Amino acid sequence: MFCDAIANLGPPHAERLLWIRDWTIWSERSQAIGLRMLDLLVAQVSSSEKALDSHAYLATAEEWCDVVALLTVPILFGWDAHLFCASGEVLVDISHHGQVVVSLGSGGELDAASLKAWC
């Protein structure tokens, strides 16, 4: 799965930060459904936080499955999001234009090879 491949780029024991933003791009209905999905995935998102223009989620290496699940929301609903690897070796930008840009630091040849199947 594509989200699994990009969530697991970089060092296997690095924390990851997922920043989801700009979900007011499409319709109110799409926004409501997407925010509900976030509610179901992340119980600690309170209703007062929903008024914010973005959410950030810090995940340990053991929480990689959570990162994969959270990545599906911006990809499905056409929101902007960014995934940062704590080591600084990986940056993934997901655009509401349907583009996913992966930037790899030096030594990312193995990661690049794992993504070629998705190009």
Protein backbone atom coordinates (compact mmCIF):
# COMPACT_ATOMS: atom_id res chain seq x y z
CA MET A 1 0.00 0.00 0.00
CA PHE A 2 1.30 3.44 -0.95
CA CYS A 3 0.67 5.05 2.48
CA ASP A 4 2.60 2.24 4.15
CA ALA A 5 5.53 2.73 1.79
CA ILE A 6 5.83 6.47 2.46
CA ALA A 7 5.16 6.18 6.21
CA ASN A 8 8.07 3.78 6.57
CA LEU A 9 10.70 5.69 4.64
CA GLY A 10 13.88 6.55 6.49
CA PRO A 11 15.42 5.03 9.59
CA PRO A 12 13.21 2.31 11.12
CA HIS A 13 13.39 3.70 14.67
CA ALA A 14 12.79 7.39 13.96
CA GLU A 15 9.80 9.36 15.19
CA ARG A 16 7.56 10.91 12.58
CA LEU A 17 5.55 14.08 12.63
CA LEU A 18 2.45 14.30 10.44
CA TRP A 19 1.03 17.77 9.90
CA ILE A 20 -2.41 17.85 8.26
CA ARG A 21 -3.65 21.24 7.09
CA ASP A 22 -5.86 23.08 4.60
CA TRP A 23 -8.94 20.89 4.59
CA THR A 24 -11.38 23.68 3.72
CA ILE A 25 -10.43 23.42 0.06
CA TRP A 26 -13.37 21.42 -1.24
CA SER A 27 -16.91 21.24 0.13
CA GLU A 28 -18.28 21.49 3.67
CA ARG A 29 -19.59 17.93 3.34
CA SER A 30 -16.17 16.58 2.37
CA GLN A 31 -14.60 18.53 5.23
CA ALA A 32 -17.10 17.16 7.75
CA ILE A 33 -16.55 13.56 6.61
CA GLY A 34 -12.76 13.91 6.68
CA LEU A 35 -12.74 15.53 10.12
CA ARG A 36 -15.00 12.74 11.38
CA MET A 37 -12.48 10.21 10.11
CA LEU A 38 -9.77 12.04 12.05
CA ASP A 39 -12.01 11.88 15.15
CA LEU A 40 -12.36 8.13 14.75
CA LEU A 41 -8.63 7.65 14.23
CA VAL A 42 -7.42 9.98 16.97
CA ALA A 43 -9.57 10.03 20.08
CA GLN A 44 -7.73 12.96 21.68
CA VAL A 45 -8.87 15.48 19.04
CA SER A 46 -11.40 17.52 20.97
CA SER A 47 -14.23 19.45 19.36
CA SER A 48 -12.58 22.78 20.25
CA GLU A 49 -9.48 21.78 18.28
CA LYS A 50 -11.54 21.20 15.12
CA ALA A 51 -11.71 24.96 14.58
CA LEU A 52 -7.95 24.99 14.01
CA ASP A 53 -6.60 25.11 10.49
CA SER A 54 -4.25 22.18 11.07
CA HIS A 55 -3.43 19.20 13.25
CA ALA A 56 -0.02 17.75 14.05
CA TYR A 57 0.58 14.20 15.22
CA LEU A 58 3.88 12.96 16.65
CA ALA A 59 4.33 9.21 16.36
CA THR A 60 7.01 6.90 17.65
CA ALA A 61 8.48 4.21 15.43
CA GLU A 62 6.16 1.68 17.09
CA GLU A 63 3.14 3.77 16.04
CA TRP A 64 3.90 3.43 12.31
CA CYS A 65 0.46 1.88 11.76
CA ASP A 66 -1.17 5.05 13.13
CA VAL A 67 0.85 7.14 10.70
CA VAL A 68 -0.31 4.97 7.80
CA ALA A 69 -3.95 5.33 8.88
CA LEU A 70 -3.64 9.09 9.34
CA LEU A 71 -1.96 9.52 5.93
CA THR A 72 -4.99 8.05 4.21
CA VAL A 73 -7.21 10.97 5.29
CA PRO A 74 -5.44 13.79 3.41
CA ILE A 75 -4.85 11.54 0.41
CA LEU A 76 -8.51 10.48 0.24
CA PHE A 77 -9.96 13.94 0.78
CA GLY A 78 -7.46 16.05 -1.15
CA TRP A 79 -5.99 17.96 1.79
CA ASP A 80 -2.48 19.28 2.24
CA ALA A 81 -0.23 17.36 4.62
CA HIS A 82 3.45 16.96 5.43
CA LEU A 83 5.29 14.01 6.93
CA PHE A 84 8.63 14.69 8.59
CA CYS A 85 11.08 12.06 9.79
CA ALA A 86 12.83 13.04 13.05
CA SER A 87 16.19 12.20 11.51
CA GLY A 88 15.59 14.84 8.83
CA GLU A 89 16.24 12.28 6.10
CA VAL A 90 12.68 12.21 4.74
CA LEU A 91 10.08 14.85 3.93
CA VAL A 92 6.80 13.94 2.24
CA ASP A 93 4.51 16.68 0.93
CA ILE A 94 0.95 15.75 0.01
CA SER A 95 -0.87 18.38 -2.02
CA HIS A 96 -4.56 19.03 -2.60
CA HIS A 97 -3.58 19.00 -6.29
CA GLY A 98 -3.13 15.23 -6.03
CA GLN A 99 0.66 15.33 -5.94
CA VAL A 100 2.88 13.53 -3.47
CA VAL A 101 6.47 14.77 -3.39
CA VAL A 102 9.07 12.74 -1.49
CA SER A 103 12.40 14.34 -0.61
CA LEU A 104 15.14 11.99 0.58
CA GLY A 105 18.44 12.91 2.19
CA SER A 106 21.75 11.43 1.21
CA GLY A 107 21.83 7.68 1.60
CA GLY A 108 18.18 7.30 0.63
CA GLU A 109 18.85 4.96 -2.29
CA LEU A 110 17.02 2.04 -0.67
CA ASP A 111 14.02 4.24 0.08
CA ALA A 112 14.01 5.56 -3.49
CA ALA A 113 14.12 2.02 -4.84
CA SER A 114 11.09 1.05 -2.71
CA LEU A 115 9.08 3.92 -4.20
CA LYS A 116 9.78 3.13 -7.86
CA ALA A 117 6.87 0.68 -7.97
CA TRP A 118 4.51 3.60 -7.30
CA CYS A 119 5.83 5.89 -10.05
